[in-house]
Amino acid sequence: MQNHDLNATVPADDELSFAAEVLPAEVQRRNFWKLLIVDDEEEVHRVTKLALGGFEHDGRSLHFIDAYTGQEAREVMAREPDIALVLMDVVMETDHAGLDAIQHIRQTLGNRLTRIVLRTGQPGQAPEREVITRYDINDYRDKTELTAQKLFTLLYTGLSLYKDLQLLEHSREGLQQLVAAASGVFQCKVPTQLADGVVGLACALLGVDGSRPGSNAADTLMLEHQPRSDGATVLAASGSFSDLRGRALYAADDLTEIWDLQQTSAGRQWVAEERRFYATFPGSGGETFGLYLRASHALHLPEPKLVDMFCRNVASALQSAQLHQQVNKTQRELIVMLSEAIEKRSRETGNHVRRVGEYSRLFGQLWGMDEDECETLLIAAPLHDAGKIAIPDAILNKPGRLTDEEFIIMRTHAMLGGQMFEGHGLPVLKAAAILAGQHHERWDGQGYPLRIAGEAIHIYGRIVAVADVFDALGSDRCYKKAWDMESILAYMRAESGKQFDPVLIQLLMDNLDDFLAIRDRYHDSFSEAGMD
């Protein structure tokens, strides 16, 4: 093979295959490497394109961009920072226009990824040693030495390095996103909330966007497989899968692409294809969680060790969330059992304490509390009447009207309930101390035991005050029959701003259907007497 100067016509017997013209600009450039030619000689542009017309690397051809001055090069790089490689002349509009452009690209634009090759036909104008030490360039060549073959080698090496640097940059950005988001996600204590966070982290890890359609879009699912079941429940979903949240999917009927990839991953924690990813995570009770992702373009898979670490952390976080949920469920059941025992002592049977807990959680959600605080209200609210355990049976279950002396004793249950839970470190017991001690305070300050008013009453006490009375009025007690709903609502409205926080009453009225759904779900199978 002969060597050829780029300023000469390339002969037909060169080993490179040549293209007669540059591909049109309307092609999808993401399938091409962008190559910027900066030279004030039109012939250099023409010959360079001719020599590299058939060039292909990693399945991608070249897209040529022309600039004829250093200033044009600056403007192009500002507009298209994803240019892979620049062939830069030195002497153009000034003797050092190319060097000034390089300094602008590296320092002003902050572009460290694009590979820059300095080409000059006048080496004396820019001595190699000085240029290499002062400027961030990747190669320095005399135009006369750049034969077609050497140019091919130069481009192949430069693009390989650019691709590696892109992957490193992507991994760095992905790690930054993961570190920033992971601490919050992995602190989620509810599996469904954690699943939402894991879906987002997986998208960041794999370089896709699960939040909106586009060239970088992805569809994701987080599934829970129960033992000895051929189906799975969708805990979280994004993209075109969003409507599947909460649904049960079965291998025989739904999204067979998932089950096929799941079979491929048998014995491995994760498996990745060009546009698909699947990972499995063991649960704490024999169930298995699965993460499925499909992308609209090739995934940017990071180092396998990083994916392994991600999977281990997800599995650990899911098991922790499950255990937390189990502890909460057990704690809640024990508290409800205790509360029901106290209620039965006063002959108040049925699901009163469960409804008060559910009403309180709903109020918390409507108030804007976070999920943990709402869960605390759900568990603690049934303890609102725990102080009744110290009230004598003769007073607690008296069928008629209490005397003034008896009523004073009855009122002590609020103070006693608050004292029972004071000094405990658990959030649930701290909340129980507040709501047990304050649920008989009134918005107008005429309640007991502290006679505090308005916002001086803790929001927990204000919430349980409304929830307790709303439910009690609709239940049979030893001294009254249950009220109809119209009478209950009329009373709650009349006491808004007097007995009750007016904001909470408005929330009750605006969301009445949700409260009534709780009442219907936890209806009493029978009723007996008793209420303070």
Protein backbone atom coordinates (compact mmCIF):
# COMPACT_ATOMS: atom_id res chain seq x y z
CA MET A 1 0.00 0.00 0.00
CA GLN A 2 1.25 3.43 -0.85
CA ASN A 3 1.36 6.43 1.51
CA HIS A 4 -0.62 9.46 0.45
CA ASP A 5 -0.50 13.10 1.52
CA LEU A 6 -3.91 14.46 2.45
CA ASN A 7 -3.31 17.40 0.08
CA ALA A 8 -3.19 14.99 -2.82
CA THR A 9 -5.97 12.98 -4.43
CA VAL A 10 -6.32 9.55 -2.82
CA PRO A 11 -5.77 6.83 -5.43
CA ALA A 12 -8.39 4.18 -6.01
CA ASP A 13 -6.13 1.29 -4.99
CA ASP A 14 -5.84 2.48 -1.35
CA GLU A 15 -6.97 -0.20 1.11
CA LEU A 16 -9.68 2.07 2.52
CA SER A 17 -13.08 2.06 0.85
CA PHE A 18 -14.23 5.55 -0.02
CA ALA A 19 -17.60 7.29 -0.16
CA ALA A 20 -18.34 9.79 -2.88
CA GLU A 21 -20.27 12.18 -0.65
CA VAL A 22 -21.07 12.98 2.97
CA LEU A 23 -24.29 11.57 4.40
CA PRO A 24 -27.11 14.13 4.73
CA ALA A 25 -27.52 16.05 7.98
CA GLU A 26 -31.09 14.84 8.57
CA VAL A 27 -29.93 11.33 9.46
CA GLN A 28 -30.31 10.41 13.09
CA ARG A 29 -26.99 11.60 14.41
CA ARG A 30 -27.13 9.45 17.49
CA ASN A 31 -26.10 6.55 15.17
CA PHE A 32 -22.96 8.43 14.14
CA TRP A 33 -19.73 9.73 15.57
CA LYS A 34 -19.54 13.48 15.12
CA LEU A 35 -16.24 14.62 13.59
CA LEU A 36 -15.45 18.33 13.42
CA ILE A 37 -12.94 19.42 10.74
CA VAL A 38 -11.49 22.86 11.42
CA ASP A 39 -9.33 24.20 8.59
CA ASP A 40 -9.35 27.28 6.37
CA GLU A 41 -8.51 25.24 3.26
CA GLU A 42 -11.52 23.72 1.51
CA GLU A 43 -9.31 21.04 -0.08
CA VAL A 44 -8.34 19.71 3.37
CA HIS A 45 -12.04 19.24 4.21
CA ARG A 46 -12.70 17.47 0.94
CA VAL A 47 -9.75 15.10 1.08
CA THR A 48 -10.33 14.25 4.78
CA LYS A 49 -13.94 13.30 4.06
CA LEU A 50 -12.89 11.29 1.04
CA ALA A 51 -10.29 9.38 3.02
CA LEU A 52 -12.70 8.62 5.88
CA GLY A 53 -15.88 8.15 3.89
CA GLY A 54 -16.16 4.44 4.59
CA PHE A 55 -14.96 4.63 8.18
CA GLU A 56 -16.97 2.77 10.80
CA HIS A 57 -16.29 2.11 14.47
CA ASP A 58 -18.41 0.12 16.89
CA GLY A 59 -21.23 -0.04 14.34
CA ARG A 60 -21.36 3.74 13.88
CA SER A 61 -20.27 5.78 10.86
CA LEU A 62 -19.03 9.37 10.80
CA HIS A 63 -21.03 12.56 10.61
CA PHE A 64 -18.80 15.37 9.33
CA ILE A 65 -19.12 18.96 10.56
CA ASP A 66 -17.13 21.78 8.94
CA ALA A 67 -15.60 24.92 10.41
CA TYR A 68 -13.20 27.21 8.58
CA THR A 69 -12.04 29.51 11.38
CA GLY A 70 -11.21 29.20 15.05
CA GLN A 71 -14.26 31.30 15.90
CA GLU A 72 -16.53 28.97 13.93
CA ALA A 73 -15.03 26.04 15.84
CA ARG A 74 -15.90 27.71 19.15
CA GLU A 75 -19.49 28.28 18.05
CA VAL A 76 -19.93 24.71 16.79
CA MET A 77 -18.54 23.22 20.01
CA ALA A 78 -20.80 25.42 22.13
CA ARG A 79 -23.78 24.25 20.07
CA GLU A 80 -22.82 20.57 19.80
CA PRO A 81 -20.77 19.47 22.84
CA ASP A 82 -21.19 15.77 21.92
CA ILE A 83 -18.69 16.00 19.06
CA ALA A 84 -16.40 13.02 19.50
CA LEU A 85 -13.24 14.22 17.76
CA VAL A 86 -11.87 17.48 16.35
CA LEU A 87 -9.21 17.76 13.64
CA MET A 88 -7.93 21.29 14.35
CA ASP A 89 -5.69 23.43 12.15
CA VAL A 90 -3.40 25.95 13.91
CA VAL A 91 -3.06 28.84 11.48
CA MET A 92 -6.35 30.21 10.21
CA GLU A 93 -7.67 33.75 10.75
CA THR A 94 -4.66 34.29 13.02
CA ASP A 95 -1.37 32.46 13.49
CA HIS A 96 -2.69 30.81 16.67
CA ALA A 97 -6.47 30.67 15.99
CA GLY A 98 -6.54 26.89 16.48
CA LEU A 99 -4.75 27.07 19.81
CA ASP A 100 -7.08 29.81 21.03
CA ALA A 101 -10.06 27.65 20.00
CA ILE A 102 -8.66 24.66 21.91
CA GLN A 103 -8.19 26.76 25.04
CA HIS A 104 -11.79 28.01 24.73
CA ILE A 105 -13.15 24.47 24.30
CA ARG A 106 -11.28 23.10 27.30
CA GLN A 107 -11.45 26.02 29.71
CA THR A 108 -14.44 28.20 28.82
CA LEU A 109 -16.76 25.45 27.62
CA GLY A 110 -15.36 22.93 30.11
CA ASN A 111 -15.37 20.15 27.51
CA ARG A 112 -12.84 17.51 28.57
CA LEU A 113 -14.34 14.56 26.71
CA THR A 114 -13.97 15.57 23.05
CA ARG A 115 -10.69 14.28 21.59
CA ILE A 116 -8.71 17.04 19.85
CA VAL A 117 -6.01 16.38 17.25
CA LEU A 118 -3.95 19.39 16.25
CA ARG A 119 -2.92 19.40 12.55
CA THR A 120 -0.57 21.95 11.08
CA GLY A 121 1.17 22.51 7.79
CA GLN A 122 3.56 24.96 9.47
CA PRO A 123 5.13 23.19 12.49
CA GLY A 124 7.33 26.17 13.24
CA GLN A 125 4.27 28.25 14.06
CA ALA A 126 3.37 25.89 16.95
CA PRO A 127 6.34 23.85 18.23
CA GLU A 128 5.19 20.40 19.35
CA ARG A 129 6.84 20.39 22.78
CA GLU A 130 5.37 23.78 23.72
CA VAL A 131 1.88 22.93 22.43
CA ILE A 132 1.68 19.59 24.22
CA THR A 133 2.77 21.05 27.57
CA ARG A 134 0.52 24.14 27.41
CA TYR A 135 -2.66 22.84 25.76
CA ASP A 136 -4.93 19.90 26.50
CA ILE A 137 -4.68 18.14 23.14
CA ASN A 138 -4.66 14.43 22.44
CA ASP A 139 -2.37 14.29 19.41
CA TYR A 140 -0.21 16.60 17.33
CA ARG A 141 0.39 15.86 13.65
CA ASP A 142 2.01 17.50 10.64
CA LYS A 143 -0.49 17.43 7.78
CA THR A 144 2.13 15.90 5.49
CA GLU A 145 2.45 12.80 7.68
CA LEU A 146 -1.27 12.04 7.90
CA THR A 147 -1.73 9.39 5.23
CA ALA A 148 -5.12 7.78 4.79
CA GLN A 149 -4.08 4.74 6.83
CA LYS A 150 -2.58 6.82 9.63
CA LEU A 151 -5.70 8.96 9.71
CA PHE A 152 -7.78 5.79 9.97
CA THR A 153 -5.66 4.59 12.91
CA LEU A 154 -5.75 8.01 14.55
CA LEU A 155 -9.53 8.16 14.35
CA TYR A 156 -10.03 4.60 15.54
CA THR A 157 -7.85 5.19 18.60
CA GLY A 158 -9.40 8.57 19.36
CA LEU A 159 -12.99 7.34 19.13
CA SER A 160 -12.24 4.31 21.30
CA LEU A 161 -10.87 6.61 23.98
CA TYR A 162 -13.83 8.97 23.61
CA LYS A 163 -16.24 6.08 24.06
CA ASP A 164 -14.40 4.89 27.19
CA LEU A 165 -14.43 8.39 28.62
CA GLN A 166 -18.16 8.68 27.90
CA LEU A 167 -18.78 5.46 29.80
CA LEU A 168 -16.66 6.67 32.70
CA GLU A 169 -18.51 9.99 32.75
CA HIS A 170 -21.85 8.21 32.60
CA SER A 171 -20.80 5.94 35.47
CA ARG A 172 -19.65 8.96 37.48
CA GLU A 173 -22.92 10.81 36.90
CA GLY A 174 -24.88 7.66 37.65
CA LEU A 175 -22.99 7.16 40.88
CA GLN A 176 -23.64 10.75 41.91
CA GLN A 177 -27.36 10.30 41.27
CA LEU A 178 -27.41 6.97 43.08
CA VAL A 179 -25.54 8.29 46.11
CA ALA A 180 -27.80 11.35 46.27
CA ALA A 181 -31.01 9.32 46.00
CA ALA A 182 -30.13 5.99 47.57
CA SER A 183 -29.92 7.16 51.19
CA GLY A 184 -33.47 8.46 51.06
CA VAL A 185 -34.83 5.51 49.09
CA PHE A 186 -33.28 2.83 51.28
CA GLN A 187 -34.71 4.46 54.40
CA CYS A 188 -38.25 3.78 53.17
CA LYS A 189 -39.95 1.46 55.64
CA VAL A 190 -42.93 0.49 53.49
CA PRO A 191 -42.20 -2.06 50.70
CA THR A 192 -44.46 -0.32 48.16
CA GLN A 193 -42.77 3.05 48.78
CA LEU A 194 -39.36 1.41 48.61
CA ALA A 195 -40.33 -0.25 45.32
CA ASP A 196 -41.07 3.16 43.78
CA GLY A 197 -37.65 4.38 44.85
CA VAL A 198 -35.90 1.27 43.54
CA VAL A 199 -37.51 1.76 40.12
CA GLY A 200 -36.12 5.29 40.00
CA LEU A 201 -32.65 4.17 41.10
CA ALA A 202 -32.59 1.42 38.49
CA CYS A 203 -33.35 3.95 35.76
CA ALA A 204 -30.50 6.16 36.99
CA LEU A 205 -28.15 3.20 37.19
CA LEU A 206 -28.88 2.07 33.64
CA GLY A 207 -28.97 5.54 32.07
CA VAL A 208 -32.66 5.67 31.13
CA ASP A 209 -35.65 7.83 32.03
CA GLY A 210 -38.70 6.10 33.47
CA SER A 211 -40.67 9.28 34.05
CA ARG A 212 -41.54 10.41 30.53
CA PRO A 213 -41.51 9.18 26.91
CA GLY A 214 -38.67 10.03 24.56
CA SER A 215 -35.50 8.68 23.01
CA ASN A 216 -34.17 7.83 26.47
CA ALA A 217 -37.41 6.32 27.81
CA ALA A 218 -37.87 3.09 29.72
CA ASP A 219 -40.72 0.99 31.08
CA THR A 220 -40.20 -0.56 34.50
CA LEU A 221 -41.97 -2.92 36.88
CA MET A 222 -41.32 -4.00 40.46
CA LEU A 223 -43.01 -7.33 41.18
CA GLU A 224 -43.64 -9.46 44.26
CA HIS A 225 -43.82 -13.22 43.70
CA GLN A 226 -45.41 -15.27 46.46
CA PRO A 227 -44.17 -18.83 47.13
CA ARG A 228 -45.91 -21.57 45.14
CA SER A 229 -47.64 -19.03 42.90
CA ASP A 230 -47.41 -18.67 39.13
CA GLY A 231 -48.20 -14.97 39.33
CA ALA A 232 -46.91 -11.74 40.83
CA THR A 233 -48.28 -8.47 42.20
CA VAL A 234 -47.07 -5.18 40.69
CA LEU A 235 -45.73 -3.00 43.53
CA ALA A 236 -44.39 -0.17 41.37
CA ALA A 237 -44.44 0.71 37.69
CA SER A 238 -43.38 3.47 35.32
CA GLY A 239 -43.56 4.35 31.63
CA SER A 240 -46.10 2.40 29.62
CA PHE A 241 -46.45 -0.04 32.55
CA SER A 242 -47.82 2.65 34.89
CA ASP A 243 -51.41 1.39 34.69
CA LEU A 244 -50.35 -2.04 35.96
CA ARG A 245 -49.63 -0.84 39.51
CA GLY A 246 -51.46 -3.02 42.03
CA ARG A 247 -52.45 -5.61 39.44
CA ALA A 248 -51.77 -9.33 39.58
CA LEU A 249 -49.86 -10.69 36.58
CA TYR A 250 -49.73 -14.34 35.57
CA ALA A 251 -47.06 -16.11 33.57
CA ALA A 252 -49.55 -17.80 31.31
CA ASP A 253 -51.36 -14.64 30.27
CA ASP A 254 -49.50 -11.40 30.99
CA LEU A 255 -46.24 -9.93 29.71
CA THR A 256 -44.57 -13.19 28.75
CA GLU A 257 -41.43 -11.17 27.96
CA ILE A 258 -40.88 -10.84 31.72
CA TRP A 259 -41.24 -14.52 32.47
CA ASP A 260 -38.95 -15.44 29.58
CA LEU A 261 -36.22 -13.17 30.91
CA GLN A 262 -36.87 -14.44 34.42
CA GLN A 263 -36.17 -17.97 33.24
CA THR A 264 -32.97 -16.74 31.58
CA SER A 265 -31.85 -15.28 34.91
CA ALA A 266 -32.36 -18.55 36.82
CA GLY A 267 -29.51 -18.98 39.27
CA ARG A 268 -28.29 -15.40 38.79
CA GLN A 269 -29.23 -12.25 40.65
CA TRP A 270 -29.50 -10.19 37.48
CA VAL A 271 -29.30 -10.53 33.73
CA ALA A 272 -28.90 -7.77 31.13
CA GLU A 273 -29.56 -7.72 27.41
CA GLU A 274 -29.08 -4.84 25.00
CA ARG A 275 -32.37 -3.17 25.94
CA ARG A 276 -33.69 -5.25 28.83
CA PHE A 277 -32.72 -5.86 32.43
CA TYR A 278 -34.09 -8.20 35.09
CA ALA A 279 -33.02 -8.66 38.71
CA THR A 280 -34.38 -10.77 41.57
CA PHE A 281 -34.26 -10.05 45.28
CA PRO A 282 -35.12 -12.56 48.03
CA GLY A 283 -37.70 -11.45 50.60
CA SER A 284 -37.74 -12.19 54.31
CA GLY A 285 -40.72 -14.54 54.21
CA GLY A 286 -40.06 -16.79 51.22
CA GLU A 287 -41.36 -14.37 48.60
CA THR A 288 -39.22 -13.04 45.76
CA PHE A 289 -39.13 -9.55 44.33
CA GLY A 290 -38.36 -8.92 40.67
CA LEU A 291 -37.27 -5.76 38.86
CA TYR A 292 -37.90 -5.65 35.11
CA LEU A 293 -36.80 -2.83 32.81
CA ARG A 294 -37.04 -2.44 29.05
CA ALA A 295 -35.58 0.57 27.25
CA SER A 296 -36.17 2.27 23.92
CA HIS A 297 -32.43 2.20 23.21
CA ALA A 298 -29.34 0.30 24.30
CA LEU A 299 -28.75 0.36 28.06
CA HIS A 300 -25.64 1.97 29.52
CA LEU A 301 -24.73 -0.90 31.80
CA PRO A 302 -22.18 0.12 34.45
CA GLU A 303 -19.48 -2.11 35.88
CA PRO A 304 -20.94 -5.48 36.96
CA LYS A 305 -19.63 -4.92 40.51
CA LEU A 306 -21.74 -1.77 40.74
CA VAL A 307 -24.85 -3.67 39.62
CA ASP A 308 -24.05 -6.43 42.14
CA MET A 309 -23.79 -3.83 44.91
CA PHE A 310 -27.06 -2.22 43.84
CA CYS A 311 -28.83 -5.59 43.94
CA ARG A 312 -27.43 -6.48 47.36
CA ASN A 313 -28.54 -3.14 48.81
CA VAL A 314 -32.01 -3.43 47.29
CA ALA A 315 -32.44 -6.94 48.70
CA SER A 316 -31.30 -5.79 52.16
CA ALA A 317 -33.57 -2.73 52.07
CA LEU A 318 -36.59 -4.79 50.98
CA GLN A 319 -36.07 -7.32 53.76
CA SER A 320 -35.65 -4.51 56.28
CA ALA A 321 -38.86 -2.85 55.06
CA GLN A 322 -40.72 -6.15 55.31
CA LEU A 323 -39.51 -6.73 58.87
CA HIS A 324 -40.43 -3.16 59.80
CA GLN A 325 -43.90 -3.72 58.35
CA GLN A 326 -44.27 -6.99 60.26
CA VAL A 327 -43.17 -5.35 63.51
CA ASN A 328 -45.60 -2.49 62.91
CA LYS A 329 -48.40 -4.90 62.16
CA THR A 330 -47.69 -6.91 65.31
CA GLN A 331 -47.38 -3.74 67.36
CA ARG A 332 -50.62 -2.44 65.96
CA GLU A 333 -52.48 -5.68 66.65
CA LEU A 334 -51.23 -5.77 70.24
CA ILE A 335 -52.26 -2.15 70.79
CA VAL A 336 -55.68 -2.75 69.25
CA MET A 337 -56.14 -5.84 71.45
CA LEU A 338 -55.24 -3.78 74.53
CA SER A 339 -57.53 -0.96 73.43
CA GLU A 340 -60.40 -3.33 72.76
CA ALA A 341 -59.92 -4.93 76.17
CA ILE A 342 -60.22 -1.48 77.75
CA GLU A 343 -63.28 -0.69 75.64
CA LYS A 344 -64.94 -4.02 76.54
CA ARG A 345 -64.40 -3.27 80.20
CA SER A 346 -66.62 -0.27 79.67
CA ARG A 347 -68.95 -2.50 77.60
CA GLU A 348 -68.04 -0.76 74.36
CA THR A 349 -67.68 -3.65 71.95
CA GLY A 350 -67.09 -3.71 68.23
CA ASN A 351 -64.53 -1.91 66.10
CA HIS A 352 -64.64 1.57 67.63
CA VAL A 353 -60.89 1.75 68.33
CA ARG A 354 -59.99 0.42 64.88
CA ARG A 355 -62.18 3.03 63.21
CA VAL A 356 -60.72 5.83 65.32
CA GLY A 357 -57.23 4.69 64.26
CA GLU A 358 -58.18 4.61 60.58
CA TYR A 359 -59.98 7.97 60.78
CA SER A 360 -56.92 9.48 62.48
CA ARG A 361 -54.55 8.21 59.81
CA LEU A 362 -56.82 9.61 57.09
CA PHE A 363 -56.91 12.98 58.88
CA GLY A 364 -53.12 12.89 59.03
CA GLN A 365 -52.88 12.26 55.30
CA LEU A 366 -55.33 15.05 54.53
CA TRP A 367 -53.41 17.35 56.87
CA GLY A 368 -50.22 16.66 54.88
CA MET A 369 -48.27 14.52 57.35
CA ASP A 370 -45.68 12.12 55.98
CA GLU A 371 -46.46 8.43 55.77
CA ASP A 372 -44.49 7.50 58.90
CA GLU A 373 -46.40 10.01 61.02
CA CYS A 374 -49.73 8.86 59.58
CA GLU A 375 -48.78 5.28 60.44
CA THR A 376 -47.93 6.39 63.98
CA LEU A 377 -51.38 7.96 64.31
CA LEU A 378 -53.00 4.77 63.03
CA ILE A 379 -51.30 2.70 65.73
CA ALA A 380 -51.47 5.18 68.62
CA ALA A 381 -55.01 6.54 68.22
CA PRO A 382 -56.72 3.37 69.56
CA LEU A 383 -55.01 4.11 72.91
CA HIS A 384 -56.89 7.38 73.36
CA ASP A 385 -59.06 5.97 76.19
CA ALA A 386 -56.37 3.85 77.87
CA GLY A 387 -56.83 5.89 81.08
CA LYS A 388 -60.26 4.32 81.57
CA ILE A 389 -58.49 1.28 82.96
CA ALA A 390 -58.18 3.23 86.25
CA ILE A 391 -61.86 4.27 86.42
CA PRO A 392 -64.07 2.20 88.80
CA ASP A 393 -66.61 -0.08 87.13
CA ALA A 394 -69.50 1.56 88.99
CA ILE A 395 -68.74 4.85 87.28
CA LEU A 396 -67.46 3.49 83.97
CA ASN A 397 -70.57 1.36 83.33
CA LYS A 398 -73.24 3.43 85.08
CA PRO A 399 -76.34 3.33 82.84
CA GLY A 400 -77.71 6.70 83.92
CA ARG A 401 -76.35 10.23 84.14
CA LEU A 402 -73.20 10.67 86.22
CA THR A 403 -73.22 12.87 89.31
CA ASP A 404 -70.87 15.86 89.42
CA GLU A 405 -68.48 13.93 91.65
CA GLU A 406 -68.58 10.90 89.36
CA PHE A 407 -68.04 13.07 86.31
CA ILE A 408 -64.93 14.59 87.89
CA ILE A 409 -63.56 11.08 88.41
CA MET A 410 -64.48 10.08 84.85
CA ARG A 411 -62.64 13.08 83.49
CA THR A 412 -59.41 11.92 85.13
CA HIS A 413 -59.07 9.19 82.49
CA ALA A 414 -57.57 11.71 80.07
CA MET A 415 -54.88 12.81 82.50
CA LEU A 416 -54.22 9.23 83.61
CA GLY A 417 -53.95 8.06 79.99
CA GLY A 418 -51.41 10.75 79.21
CA GLN A 419 -49.37 9.85 82.28
CA MET A 420 -49.37 6.14 81.39
CA PHE A 421 -47.32 6.75 78.24
CA GLU A 422 -45.13 9.67 79.31
CA GLY A 423 -41.38 9.18 79.31
CA HIS A 424 -41.31 6.40 76.70
CA GLY A 425 -38.97 6.74 73.73
CA LEU A 426 -41.03 4.93 71.09
CA PRO A 427 -42.74 7.34 68.66
CA VAL A 428 -46.02 5.44 69.02
CA LEU A 429 -46.03 5.76 72.80
CA LYS A 430 -45.02 9.43 72.62
CA ALA A 431 -47.98 10.01 70.31
CA ALA A 432 -50.23 7.98 72.65
CA ALA A 433 -49.25 10.20 75.59
CA ILE A 434 -50.28 13.30 73.63
CA LEU A 435 -53.54 12.10 72.18
CA ALA A 436 -54.70 10.25 75.33
CA GLY A 437 -54.05 13.36 77.41
CA GLN A 438 -55.53 15.92 75.00
CA HIS A 439 -58.38 14.28 73.10
CA HIS A 440 -60.96 15.90 75.42
CA GLU A 441 -59.54 19.40 75.06
CA ARG A 442 -61.80 21.80 73.16
CA TRP A 443 -60.90 24.31 70.47
CA ASP A 444 -62.59 27.05 72.57
CA GLY A 445 -60.56 26.18 75.68
CA GLN A 446 -63.47 24.71 77.69
CA GLY A 447 -62.24 21.11 77.60
CA TYR A 448 -60.19 19.04 80.06
CA PRO A 449 -57.81 18.29 81.73
CA LEU A 450 -55.57 21.26 80.73
CA ARG A 451 -58.20 23.70 79.38
CA ILE A 452 -55.92 24.69 76.51
CA ALA A 453 -57.37 26.15 73.33
CA GLY A 454 -56.86 26.35 69.56
CA GLU A 455 -53.48 25.41 68.19
CA ALA A 456 -52.08 25.06 71.72
CA ILE A 457 -53.76 21.66 71.55
CA HIS A 458 -51.45 19.26 69.73
CA ILE A 459 -52.71 18.27 66.28
CA TYR A 460 -52.86 14.63 67.45
CA GLY A 461 -55.26 15.59 70.22
CA ARG A 462 -57.37 17.69 67.85
CA ILE A 463 -57.55 14.88 65.31
CA VAL A 464 -58.56 12.17 67.79
CA ALA A 465 -61.14 14.51 69.35
CA VAL A 466 -62.96 14.70 66.01
CA ALA A 467 -62.44 11.02 65.11
CA ASP A 468 -63.63 9.77 68.51
CA VAL A 469 -66.82 11.83 68.65
CA PHE A 470 -67.66 11.25 64.97
CA ASP A 471 -67.54 7.51 65.55
CA ALA A 472 -69.10 7.47 69.04
CA LEU A 473 -72.19 9.39 67.93
CA GLY A 474 -72.91 6.70 65.36
CA SER A 475 -72.66 3.85 67.88
CA ASP A 476 -75.12 2.48 70.43
CA ARG A 477 -74.05 3.13 74.02
CA CYS A 478 -75.62 2.32 77.40
CA TYR A 479 -77.20 5.77 77.70
CA LYS A 480 -78.09 6.45 74.03
CA LYS A 481 -78.93 4.98 70.66
CA ALA A 482 -76.75 5.60 67.61
CA TRP A 483 -77.47 8.84 65.79
CA ASP A 484 -78.30 8.94 62.11
CA MET A 485 -75.64 10.41 59.82
CA GLU A 486 -77.56 13.61 59.13
CA SER A 487 -77.72 14.39 62.87
CA ILE A 488 -74.05 13.51 63.34
CA LEU A 489 -72.94 15.87 60.56
CA ALA A 490 -75.20 18.64 61.85
CA TYR A 491 -73.61 18.32 65.30
CA MET A 492 -70.05 18.31 63.90
CA ARG A 493 -70.79 21.45 61.88
CA ALA A 494 -72.38 23.19 64.86
CA GLU A 495 -69.33 22.45 67.03
CA SER A 496 -66.81 23.58 64.42
CA GLY A 497 -64.73 26.34 66.02
CA LYS A 498 -66.17 25.47 69.46
CA GLN A 499 -65.43 21.89 70.39
CA PHE A 500 -63.48 21.03 67.24
CA ASP A 501 -60.74 22.47 65.05
CA PRO A 502 -62.66 24.04 62.13
CA VAL A 503 -60.03 22.98 59.59
CA LEU A 504 -60.47 19.33 60.57
CA ILE A 505 -64.24 19.60 60.34
CA GLN A 506 -63.91 21.01 56.84
CA LEU A 507 -61.60 18.12 55.89
CA LEU A 508 -64.20 15.71 57.26
CA MET A 509 -66.98 17.28 55.21
CA ASP A 510 -64.89 17.53 52.03
CA ASN A 511 -63.81 13.89 52.25
CA LEU A 512 -66.87 12.35 53.87
CA ASP A 513 -67.07 9.43 51.42
CA ASP A 514 -63.60 8.28 52.46
CA PHE A 515 -64.54 8.38 56.16
CA LEU A 516 -67.78 6.51 55.50
CA ALA A 517 -65.85 3.87 53.55
CA ILE A 518 -63.75 3.25 56.68
CA ARG A 519 -66.90 3.03 58.80
CA ASP A 520 -68.40 0.47 56.42
CA ARG A 521 -65.17 -1.55 56.21
CA TYR A 522 -64.91 -1.83 60.01
CA HIS A 523 -68.60 -1.99 60.87
CA ASP A 524 -69.72 -3.48 64.20
CA SER A 525 -71.24 -6.92 64.06
CA PHE A 526 -73.04 -6.17 67.31
CA SER A 527 -73.29 -3.32 69.83
CA GLU A 528 -73.56 -3.09 73.56
CA ALA A 529 -73.54 -0.31 76.10
CA GLY A 530 -71.17 2.31 77.41
CA MET A 531 -69.50 5.61 76.56
CA ASP A 532 -68.00 8.42 78.67
